Structures are given as C-alpha cells and as structure tokens.
All heavy atoms as atom14 arrays in JSON, in Angstrom:
{
  "sequence": "APDAPLPEQKDAIQLLPGEPEEPASGSWGYDPKTGIFTHPTSTPD",
  "atom14_mask": [
    [1, 1, 1, 1, 1, 0, 0, 0, 0, 0, 0, 0, 0, 0],
    [1, 1, 1, 1, 1, 1, 1, 0, 0, 0, 0, 0, 0, 0],
    [1, 1, 1, 1, 1, 1, 1, 1, 0, 0, 0, 0, 0, 0],
    [1, 1, 1, 1, 1, 0, 0, 0, 0, 0, 0, 0, 0, 0],
    [1, 1, 1, 1, 1, 1, 1, 0, 0, 0, 0, 0, 0, 0],
    [1, 1, 1, 1, 1, 1, 1, 1, 0, 0, 0, 0, 0, 0],
    [1, 1, 1, 1, 1, 1, 1, 0, 0, 0, 0, 0, 0, 0],
    [1, 1, 1, 1, 1, 1, 1, 1, 1, 0, 0, 0, 0, 0],
    [1, 1, 1, 1, 1, 1, 1, 1, 1, 0, 0, 0, 0, 0],
    [1, 1, 1, 1, 1, 1, 1, 1, 1, 0, 0, 0, 0, 0],
    [1, 1, 1, 1, 1, 1, 1, 1, 0, 0, 0, 0, 0, 0],
    [1, 1, 1, 1, 1, 0, 0, 0, 0, 0, 0, 0, 0, 0],
    [1, 1, 1, 1, 1, 1, 1, 1, 0, 0, 0, 0, 0, 0],
    [1, 1, 1, 1, 1, 1, 1, 1, 1, 0, 0, 0, 0, 0],
    [1, 1, 1, 1, 1, 1, 1, 1, 0, 0, 0, 0, 0, 0],
    [1, 1, 1, 1, 1, 1, 1, 1, 0, 0, 0, 0, 0, 0],
    [1, 1, 1, 1, 1, 1, 1, 0, 0, 0, 0, 0, 0, 0],
    [1, 1, 1, 1, 0, 0, 0, 0, 0, 0, 0, 0, 0, 0],
    [1, 1, 1, 1, 1, 1, 1, 1, 1, 0, 0, 0, 0, 0],
    [1, 1, 1, 1, 1, 1, 1, 0, 0, 0, 0, 0, 0, 0],
    [1, 1, 1, 1, 1, 1, 1, 1, 1, 0, 0, 0, 0, 0],
    [1, 1, 1, 1, 1, 1, 1, 1, 1, 0, 0, 0, 0, 0],
    [1, 1, 1, 1, 1, 1, 1, 0, 0, 0, 0, 0, 0, 0],
    [1, 1, 1, 1, 1, 0, 0, 0, 0, 0, 0, 0, 0, 0],
    [1, 1, 1, 1, 1, 1, 0, 0, 0, 0, 0, 0, 0, 0],
    [1, 1, 1, 1, 0, 0, 0, 0, 0, 0, 0, 0, 0, 0],
    [1, 1, 1, 1, 1, 1, 0, 0, 0, 0, 0, 0, 0, 0],
    [1, 1, 1, 1, 1, 1, 1, 1, 1, 1, 1, 1, 1, 1],
    [1, 1, 1, 1, 0, 0, 0, 0, 0, 0, 0, 0, 0, 0],
    [1, 1, 1, 1, 1, 1, 1, 1, 1, 1, 1, 1, 0, 0],
    [1, 1, 1, 1, 1, 1, 1, 1, 0, 0, 0, 0, 0, 0],
    [1, 1, 1, 1, 1, 1, 1, 0, 0, 0, 0, 0, 0, 0],
    [1, 1, 1, 1, 1, 1, 1, 1, 1, 0, 0, 0, 0, 0],
    [1, 1, 1, 1, 1, 1, 1, 0, 0, 0, 0, 0, 0, 0],
    [1, 1, 1, 1, 0, 0, 0, 0, 0, 0, 0, 0, 0, 0],
    [1, 1, 1, 1, 1, 1, 1, 1, 0, 0, 0, 0, 0, 0],
    [1, 1, 1, 1, 1, 1, 1, 1, 1, 1, 1, 0, 0, 0],
    [1, 1, 1, 1, 1, 1, 1, 0, 0, 0, 0, 0, 0, 0],
    [1, 1, 1, 1, 1, 1, 1, 1, 1, 1, 0, 0, 0, 0],
    [1, 1, 1, 1, 1, 1, 1, 0, 0, 0, 0, 0, 0, 0],
    [1, 1, 1, 1, 1, 1, 1, 0, 0, 0, 0, 0, 0, 0],
    [1, 1, 1, 1, 1, 1, 0, 0, 0, 0, 0, 0, 0, 0],
    [1, 1, 1, 1, 1, 1, 1, 0, 0, 0, 0, 0, 0, 0],
    [1, 1, 1, 1, 1, 1, 1, 0, 0, 0, 0, 0, 0, 0],
    [1, 1, 1, 1, 1, 1, 1, 1, 0, 0, 0, 0, 0, 0]
  ],
  "atom14_positions": [
    [[75.51, 64.77, -135.6], [76.89, 64.37, -135.33], [77.01, 63.79, -133.92], [76.37, 64.28, -132.98], [77.83, 65.56, -135.47], [0.0, 0.0, 0.0], [0.0, 0.0, 0.0], [0.0, 0.0, 0.0], [0.0, 0.0, 0.0], [0.0, 0.0, 0.0], [0.0, 0.0, 0.0], [0.0, 0.0, 0.0], [0.0, 0.0, 0.0], [0.0, 0.0, 0.0]],
    [[77.81, 62.75, -133.75], [78.0, 62.19, -132.41], [78.72, 63.18, -131.5], [79.52, 63.99, -131.96], [78.84, 60.94, -132.66], [79.51, 61.17, -133.97], [78.58, 62.01, -134.78], [0.0, 0.0, 0.0], [0.0, 0.0, 0.0], [0.0, 0.0, 0.0], [0.0, 0.0, 0.0], [0.0, 0.0, 0.0], [0.0, 0.0, 0.0], [0.0, 0.0, 0.0]],
    [[78.41, 63.09, -130.22], [79.09, 63.94, -129.25], [80.57, 63.58, -129.18], [80.96, 62.42, -129.29], [78.48, 63.78, -127.86], [77.07, 64.33, -127.79], [76.76, 65.26, -128.56], [76.28, 63.82, -126.97], [0.0, 0.0, 0.0], [0.0, 0.0, 0.0], [0.0, 0.0, 0.0], [0.0, 0.0, 0.0], [0.0, 0.0, 0.0], [0.0, 0.0, 0.0]],
    [[81.39, 64.59, -129.0], [82.81, 64.35, -128.76], [82.99, 63.73, -127.38], [82.2, 63.98, -126.46], [83.59, 65.65, -128.87], [0.0, 0.0, 0.0], [0.0, 0.0, 0.0], [0.0, 0.0, 0.0], [0.0, 0.0, 0.0], [0.0, 0.0, 0.0], [0.0, 0.0, 0.0], [0.0, 0.0, 0.0], [0.0, 0.0, 0.0], [0.0, 0.0, 0.0]],
    [[84.0, 62.93, -127.19], [84.21, 62.3, -125.89], [84.58, 63.33, -124.83], [85.22, 64.34, -125.11], [85.36, 61.32, -126.14], [86.06, 61.87, -127.33], [85.01, 62.51, -128.17], [0.0, 0.0, 0.0], [0.0, 0.0, 0.0], [0.0, 0.0, 0.0], [0.0, 0.0, 0.0], [0.0, 0.0, 0.0], [0.0, 0.0, 0.0], [0.0, 0.0, 0.0]],
    [[84.17, 63.03, -123.62], [84.47, 63.9, -122.49], [85.84, 63.54, -121.92], [86.38, 62.47, -122.19], [83.4, 63.73, -121.42], [81.95, 63.94, -121.88], [81.02, 63.71, -120.72], [81.78, 65.32, -122.47], [0.0, 0.0, 0.0], [0.0, 0.0, 0.0], [0.0, 0.0, 0.0], [0.0, 0.0, 0.0], [0.0, 0.0, 0.0], [0.0, 0.0, 0.0]],
    [[86.4, 64.42, -121.13], [87.67, 64.07, -120.46], [87.5, 62.82, -119.61], [86.44, 62.59, -119.01], [87.96, 65.29, -119.59], [87.16, 66.39, -120.18], [85.93, 65.76, -120.76], [0.0, 0.0, 0.0], [0.0, 0.0, 0.0], [0.0, 0.0, 0.0], [0.0, 0.0, 0.0], [0.0, 0.0, 0.0], [0.0, 0.0, 0.0], [0.0, 0.0, 0.0]],
    [[88.53, 61.99, -119.59], [88.47, 60.8, -118.77], [88.51, 61.18, -117.3], [89.23, 62.09, -116.9], [89.64, 59.87, -119.11], [89.59, 59.34, -120.54], [90.8, 58.48, -120.87], [91.56, 58.16, -119.94], [90.95, 58.13, -122.05], [0.0, 0.0, 0.0], [0.0, 0.0, 0.0], [0.0, 0.0, 0.0], [0.0, 0.0, 0.0], [0.0, 0.0, 0.0]],
    [[87.72, 60.44, -116.51], [87.74, 60.66, -115.07], [88.93, 59.89, -114.49], [88.95, 58.66, -114.48], [86.44, 60.17, -114.45], [85.21, 60.91, -114.99], [85.25, 62.4, -114.69], [85.43, 62.79, -113.53], [85.08, 63.22, -115.71], [0.0, 0.0, 0.0], [0.0, 0.0, 0.0], [0.0, 0.0, 0.0], [0.0, 0.0, 0.0], [0.0, 0.0, 0.0]],
    [[89.94, 60.6, -114.06], [91.16, 59.98, -113.57], [91.48, 60.49, -112.17], [91.07, 61.58, -111.77], [92.35, 60.3, -114.48], [92.19, 59.88, -115.93], [93.41, 60.33, -116.71], [93.28, 60.0, -118.17], [94.45, 60.49, -118.96], [0.0, 0.0, 0.0], [0.0, 0.0, 0.0], [0.0, 0.0, 0.0], [0.0, 0.0, 0.0], [0.0, 0.0, 0.0]],
    [[92.2, 59.66, -111.47], [92.77, 60.16, -110.21], [93.83, 61.2, -110.55], [94.39, 61.22, -111.64], [93.4, 59.01, -109.43], [92.37, 57.98, -108.98], [91.21, 58.37, -108.81], [92.75, 56.8, -108.84], [0.0, 0.0, 0.0], [0.0, 0.0, 0.0], [0.0, 0.0, 0.0], [0.0, 0.0, 0.0], [0.0, 0.0, 0.0], [0.0, 0.0, 0.0]],
    [[94.08, 62.08, -109.63], [95.11, 63.09, -109.85], [96.45, 62.42, -110.18], [96.86, 61.47, -109.51], [95.25, 63.97, -108.61], [0.0, 0.0, 0.0], [0.0, 0.0, 0.0], [0.0, 0.0, 0.0], [0.0, 0.0, 0.0], [0.0, 0.0, 0.0], [0.0, 0.0, 0.0], [0.0, 0.0, 0.0], [0.0, 0.0, 0.0], [0.0, 0.0, 0.0]],
    [[97.08, 62.89, -111.24], [98.34, 62.3, -111.68], [99.49, 62.9, -110.9], [99.65, 64.13, -110.84], [98.53, 62.53, -113.19], [97.42, 61.83, -113.98], [99.89, 62.04, -113.64], [97.47, 62.11, -115.46], [0.0, 0.0, 0.0], [0.0, 0.0, 0.0], [0.0, 0.0, 0.0], [0.0, 0.0, 0.0], [0.0, 0.0, 0.0], [0.0, 0.0, 0.0]],
    [[100.28, 62.03, -110.29], [101.45, 62.48, -109.55], [102.63, 62.46, -110.51], [103.07, 61.39, -110.95], [101.71, 61.56, -108.35], [102.81, 62.03, -107.43], [102.42, 63.26, -106.64], [101.27, 63.4, -106.22], [103.36, 64.17, -106.43], [0.0, 0.0, 0.0], [0.0, 0.0, 0.0], [0.0, 0.0, 0.0], [0.0, 0.0, 0.0], [0.0, 0.0, 0.0]],
    [[103.15, 63.62, -110.85], [104.27, 63.68, -111.77], [105.54, 63.14, -111.12], [105.77, 63.34, -109.92], [104.5, 65.12, -112.23], [103.37, 65.77, -113.04], [103.74, 67.21, -113.39], [103.08, 64.97, -114.31], [0.0, 0.0, 0.0], [0.0, 0.0, 0.0], [0.0, 0.0, 0.0], [0.0, 0.0, 0.0], [0.0, 0.0, 0.0], [0.0, 0.0, 0.0]],
    [[106.33, 62.48, -111.92], [107.62, 61.99, -111.44], [108.64, 63.12, -111.41], [108.5, 64.11, -112.14], [108.11, 60.87, -112.36], [107.24, 59.62, -112.43], [107.72, 58.71, -113.55], [107.26, 58.87, -111.1], [0.0, 0.0, 0.0], [0.0, 0.0, 0.0], [0.0, 0.0, 0.0], [0.0, 0.0, 0.0], [0.0, 0.0, 0.0], [0.0, 0.0, 0.0]],
    [[109.66, 63.02, -110.59], [110.7, 64.07, -110.58], [111.28, 64.27, -111.97], [111.66, 63.31, -112.65], [111.74, 63.5, -109.62], [110.98, 62.57, -108.73], [109.92, 61.96, -109.58], [0.0, 0.0, 0.0], [0.0, 0.0, 0.0], [0.0, 0.0, 0.0], [0.0, 0.0, 0.0], [0.0, 0.0, 0.0], [0.0, 0.0, 0.0], [0.0, 0.0, 0.0]],
    [[111.34, 65.52, -112.41], [111.88, 65.84, -113.72], [110.85, 65.96, -114.83], [111.15, 66.52, -115.89], [0.0, 0.0, 0.0], [0.0, 0.0, 0.0], [0.0, 0.0, 0.0], [0.0, 0.0, 0.0], [0.0, 0.0, 0.0], [0.0, 0.0, 0.0], [0.0, 0.0, 0.0], [0.0, 0.0, 0.0], [0.0, 0.0, 0.0], [0.0, 0.0, 0.0]],
    [[109.64, 65.43, -114.62], [108.62, 65.52, -115.66], [108.19, 66.97, -115.89], [108.11, 67.76, -114.95], [107.39, 64.71, -115.27], [107.43, 63.25, -115.62], [106.06, 62.6, -115.54], [105.72, 62.1, -114.45], [105.35, 62.6, -116.55], [0.0, 0.0, 0.0], [0.0, 0.0, 0.0], [0.0, 0.0, 0.0], [0.0, 0.0, 0.0], [0.0, 0.0, 0.0]],
    [[107.88, 67.32, -117.15], [107.33, 68.66, -117.39], [106.02, 68.84, -116.63], [105.24, 67.9, -116.47], [107.09, 68.67, -118.91], [107.91, 67.56, -119.45], [108.0, 66.53, -118.38], [0.0, 0.0, 0.0], [0.0, 0.0, 0.0], [0.0, 0.0, 0.0], [0.0, 0.0, 0.0], [0.0, 0.0, 0.0], [0.0, 0.0, 0.0], [0.0, 0.0, 0.0]],
    [[105.8, 70.04, -116.18], [104.55, 70.34, -115.48], [103.47, 70.74, -116.48], [103.75, 71.07, -117.63], [104.77, 71.47, -114.48], [105.75, 71.11, -113.36], [105.89, 72.24, -112.35], [105.33, 73.34, -112.61], [106.54, 72.04, -111.33], [0.0, 0.0, 0.0], [0.0, 0.0, 0.0], [0.0, 0.0, 0.0], [0.0, 0.0, 0.0], [0.0, 0.0, 0.0]],
    [[102.23, 70.68, -116.04], [101.13, 71.18, -116.86], [101.34, 72.67, -117.14], [101.8, 73.41, -116.26], [99.79, 70.97, -116.16], [99.28, 69.55, -116.19], [98.84, 69.09, -117.57], [98.63, 69.97, -118.46], [98.71, 67.88, -117.79], [0.0, 0.0, 0.0], [0.0, 0.0, 0.0], [0.0, 0.0, 0.0], [0.0, 0.0, 0.0], [0.0, 0.0, 0.0]],
    [[101.06, 73.12, -118.36], [101.28, 74.53, -118.68], [100.37, 75.44, -117.86], [99.25, 75.08, -117.5], [100.95, 74.61, -120.17], [100.03, 73.45, -120.42], [100.48, 72.37, -119.49], [0.0, 0.0, 0.0], [0.0, 0.0, 0.0], [0.0, 0.0, 0.0], [0.0, 0.0, 0.0], [0.0, 0.0, 0.0], [0.0, 0.0, 0.0], [0.0, 0.0, 0.0]],
    [[100.86, 76.62, -117.58], [100.11, 77.58, -116.78], [98.88, 78.06, -117.54], [98.91, 78.27, -118.75], [100.99, 78.77, -116.43], [0.0, 0.0, 0.0], [0.0, 0.0, 0.0], [0.0, 0.0, 0.0], [0.0, 0.0, 0.0], [0.0, 0.0, 0.0], [0.0, 0.0, 0.0], [0.0, 0.0, 0.0], [0.0, 0.0, 0.0], [0.0, 0.0, 0.0]],
    [[97.78, 78.23, -116.82], [96.57, 78.78, -117.42], [96.86, 80.16, -117.99], [97.53, 80.98, -117.37], [95.47, 78.87, -116.35], [94.32, 79.49, -116.88], [0.0, 0.0, 0.0], [0.0, 0.0, 0.0], [0.0, 0.0, 0.0], [0.0, 0.0, 0.0], [0.0, 0.0, 0.0], [0.0, 0.0, 0.0], [0.0, 0.0, 0.0], [0.0, 0.0, 0.0]],
    [[96.36, 80.41, -119.19], [96.6, 81.68, -119.84], [97.79, 81.68, -120.77], [97.98, 82.61, -121.53], [0.0, 0.0, 0.0], [0.0, 0.0, 0.0], [0.0, 0.0, 0.0], [0.0, 0.0, 0.0], [0.0, 0.0, 0.0], [0.0, 0.0, 0.0], [0.0, 0.0, 0.0], [0.0, 0.0, 0.0], [0.0, 0.0, 0.0], [0.0, 0.0, 0.0]],
    [[98.62, 80.61, -120.71], [99.81, 80.56, -121.57], [99.55, 79.81, -122.86], [100.41, 79.77, -123.73], [100.96, 79.88, -120.81], [100.69, 78.51, -120.59], [0.0, 0.0, 0.0], [0.0, 0.0, 0.0], [0.0, 0.0, 0.0], [0.0, 0.0, 0.0], [0.0, 0.0, 0.0], [0.0, 0.0, 0.0], [0.0, 0.0, 0.0], [0.0, 0.0, 0.0]],
    [[98.37, 79.21, -122.99], [98.07, 78.41, -124.17], [96.55, 78.39, -124.35], [95.79, 78.8, -123.49], [98.58, 76.97, -123.99], [97.86, 76.24, -122.88], [98.08, 76.34, -121.54], [96.77, 75.32, -123.02], [97.21, 75.57, -120.83], [96.39, 74.92, -121.72], [96.07, 74.81, -124.11], [95.35, 74.02, -121.48], [95.04, 73.9, -123.87], [94.69, 73.52, -122.58]],
    [[96.12, 77.91, -125.5], [94.69, 77.73, -125.72], [94.16, 78.55, -126.88], [94.91, 79.17, -127.64], [0.0, 0.0, 0.0], [0.0, 0.0, 0.0], [0.0, 0.0, 0.0], [0.0, 0.0, 0.0], [0.0, 0.0, 0.0], [0.0, 0.0, 0.0], [0.0, 0.0, 0.0], [0.0, 0.0, 0.0], [0.0, 0.0, 0.0], [0.0, 0.0, 0.0]],
    [[92.85, 78.57, -127.0], [92.16, 79.2, -128.12], [91.79, 80.64, -127.77], [91.2, 80.9, -126.72], [90.91, 78.4, -128.47], [90.11, 78.97, -129.61], [90.57, 78.89, -130.92], [88.9, 79.61, -129.37], [89.85, 79.42, -131.97], [88.15, 80.14, -130.42], [88.64, 80.04, -131.71], [87.91, 80.56, -132.76], [0.0, 0.0, 0.0], [0.0, 0.0, 0.0]],
    [[92.14, 81.53, -128.66], [91.78, 82.95, -128.48], [90.58, 83.24, -129.38], [90.71, 83.28, -130.61], [92.97, 83.83, -128.87], [92.72, 85.3, -128.56], [91.54, 85.7, -128.49], [93.7, 86.04, -128.4], [0.0, 0.0, 0.0], [0.0, 0.0, 0.0], [0.0, 0.0, 0.0], [0.0, 0.0, 0.0], [0.0, 0.0, 0.0], [0.0, 0.0, 0.0]],
    [[89.41, 83.45, -128.81], [88.22, 83.68, -129.64], [88.26, 84.98, -130.42], [87.54, 85.13, -131.4], [87.08, 83.67, -128.63], [87.7, 84.03, -127.33], [89.09, 83.47, -127.37], [0.0, 0.0, 0.0], [0.0, 0.0, 0.0], [0.0, 0.0, 0.0], [0.0, 0.0, 0.0], [0.0, 0.0, 0.0], [0.0, 0.0, 0.0], [0.0, 0.0, 0.0]],
    [[89.12, 85.91, -130.01], [89.22, 87.17, -130.76], [89.94, 86.99, -132.09], [89.57, 87.58, -133.09], [89.94, 88.23, -129.91], [89.13, 88.71, -128.72], [89.88, 89.81, -127.99], [89.07, 90.35, -126.83], [89.79, 91.44, -126.11], [0.0, 0.0, 0.0], [0.0, 0.0, 0.0], [0.0, 0.0, 0.0], [0.0, 0.0, 0.0], [0.0, 0.0, 0.0]],
    [[90.98, 86.17, -132.07], [91.77, 85.97, -133.29], [91.42, 84.69, -134.03], [91.75, 84.53, -135.2], [93.26, 85.93, -132.95], [93.53, 84.79, -132.11], [93.68, 87.2, -132.22], [0.0, 0.0, 0.0], [0.0, 0.0, 0.0], [0.0, 0.0, 0.0], [0.0, 0.0, 0.0], [0.0, 0.0, 0.0], [0.0, 0.0, 0.0], [0.0, 0.0, 0.0]],
    [[90.76, 83.75, -133.32], [90.48, 82.46, -133.93], [91.7, 81.57, -134.03], [91.71, 80.59, -134.8], [0.0, 0.0, 0.0], [0.0, 0.0, 0.0], [0.0, 0.0, 0.0], [0.0, 0.0, 0.0], [0.0, 0.0, 0.0], [0.0, 0.0, 0.0], [0.0, 0.0, 0.0], [0.0, 0.0, 0.0], [0.0, 0.0, 0.0], [0.0, 0.0, 0.0]],
    [[92.74, 81.85, -133.26], [94.0, 81.12, -133.35], [94.25, 80.37, -132.04], [93.99, 80.88, -130.95], [95.17, 82.08, -133.64], [94.99, 82.71, -135.03], [96.51, 81.36, -133.55], [96.01, 83.78, -135.34], [0.0, 0.0, 0.0], [0.0, 0.0, 0.0], [0.0, 0.0, 0.0], [0.0, 0.0, 0.0], [0.0, 0.0, 0.0], [0.0, 0.0, 0.0]],
    [[94.77, 79.16, -132.17], [95.15, 78.37, -131.0], [96.65, 78.49, -130.77], [97.45, 78.36, -131.7], [94.78, 76.9, -131.22], [95.07, 76.02, -130.03], [94.11, 75.81, -129.05], [96.3, 75.38, -129.89], [94.37, 75.01, -127.96], [96.58, 74.57, -128.8], [95.6, 74.38, -127.83], [0.0, 0.0, 0.0], [0.0, 0.0, 0.0], [0.0, 0.0, 0.0]],
    [[97.02, 78.73, -129.53], [98.43, 78.75, -129.13], [98.75, 77.46, -128.4], [98.12, 77.13, -127.39], [98.71, 79.95, -128.21], [98.46, 81.15, -128.92], [100.17, 79.93, -127.75], [0.0, 0.0, 0.0], [0.0, 0.0, 0.0], [0.0, 0.0, 0.0], [0.0, 0.0, 0.0], [0.0, 0.0, 0.0], [0.0, 0.0, 0.0], [0.0, 0.0, 0.0]],
    [[99.73, 76.73, -128.9], [100.11, 75.45, -128.29], [100.89, 75.68, -127.0], [101.61, 76.67, -126.86], [100.98, 74.64, -129.25], [100.25, 74.07, -130.41], [99.91, 72.75, -130.5], [99.77, 74.65, -131.54], [99.28, 72.52, -131.64], [99.17, 73.67, -132.28], [0.0, 0.0, 0.0], [0.0, 0.0, 0.0], [0.0, 0.0, 0.0], [0.0, 0.0, 0.0]],
    [[100.79, 74.73, -126.06], [101.66, 74.8, -124.89], [103.13, 74.68, -125.32], [103.43, 74.05, -126.34], [101.25, 73.59, -124.05], [99.92, 73.17, -124.58], [99.89, 73.56, -126.02], [0.0, 0.0, 0.0], [0.0, 0.0, 0.0], [0.0, 0.0, 0.0], [0.0, 0.0, 0.0], [0.0, 0.0, 0.0], [0.0, 0.0, 0.0], [0.0, 0.0, 0.0]],
    [[104.02, 75.24, -124.55], [105.45, 75.1, -124.86], [105.99, 73.76, -124.41], [106.96, 73.25, -124.97], [106.27, 76.22, -124.2], [106.01, 76.21, -122.78], [105.88, 77.58, -124.78], [0.0, 0.0, 0.0], [0.0, 0.0, 0.0], [0.0, 0.0, 0.0], [0.0, 0.0, 0.0], [0.0, 0.0, 0.0], [0.0, 0.0, 0.0], [0.0, 0.0, 0.0]],
    [[105.36, 73.14, -123.41], [105.7, 71.79, -123.0], [104.56, 71.25, -122.13], [103.82, 72.02, -121.52], [107.03, 71.74, -122.22], [106.9, 72.39, -120.96], [0.0, 0.0, 0.0], [0.0, 0.0, 0.0], [0.0, 0.0, 0.0], [0.0, 0.0, 0.0], [0.0, 0.0, 0.0], [0.0, 0.0, 0.0], [0.0, 0.0, 0.0], [0.0, 0.0, 0.0]],
    [[104.45, 69.92, -122.11], [103.42, 69.26, -121.29], [103.97, 67.92, -120.82], [104.86, 67.36, -121.45], [102.12, 69.0, -122.09], [102.44, 68.21, -123.24], [101.45, 70.29, -122.51], [0.0, 0.0, 0.0], [0.0, 0.0, 0.0], [0.0, 0.0, 0.0], [0.0, 0.0, 0.0], [0.0, 0.0, 0.0], [0.0, 0.0, 0.0], [0.0, 0.0, 0.0]],
    [[103.42, 67.39, -119.73], [103.77, 66.02, -119.36], [103.11, 65.05, -120.33], [102.21, 65.42, -121.09], [103.2, 65.88, -117.95], [102.08, 66.87, -117.9], [102.5, 68.01, -118.79], [0.0, 0.0, 0.0], [0.0, 0.0, 0.0], [0.0, 0.0, 0.0], [0.0, 0.0, 0.0], [0.0, 0.0, 0.0], [0.0, 0.0, 0.0], [0.0, 0.0, 0.0]],
    [[103.56, 63.82, -120.3], [102.94, 62.77, -121.11], [101.47, 62.67, -120.74], [101.11, 62.67, -119.57], [103.67, 61.46, -120.84], [103.12, 60.32, -121.68], [102.77, 60.56, -122.84], [103.04, 59.19, -121.16], [0.0, 0.0, 0.0], [0.0, 0.0, 0.0], [0.0, 0.0, 0.0], [0.0, 0.0, 0.0], [0.0, 0.0, 0.0], [0.0, 0.0, 0.0]]
  ]
}
C-alpha cells in the first residue's frame, strides 16, 4: 500500500480575530483503549 501523505510543512498560521482556536490537546483524538475517535468541538479552517 502507498504511504499516507505527511502533514504539509507550513509556516505558523496566524489566526484572524474571531477565528476558532485549535482544540486543546487531550480534548479530541483516538482512544486506543476503546477504539473510538472523539471529534474536536470546533477547529479553525
């Protein structure tokens, strides 16, 4: 199988006033104990 693409190398994104912030670490993601993914409650574009 082909490798999945890596994250794009980008300059740090400066959010505009009012934009949603990146979700806090630990508030979303994959739980290996349950096998369930929890979606972020909000994210920037």
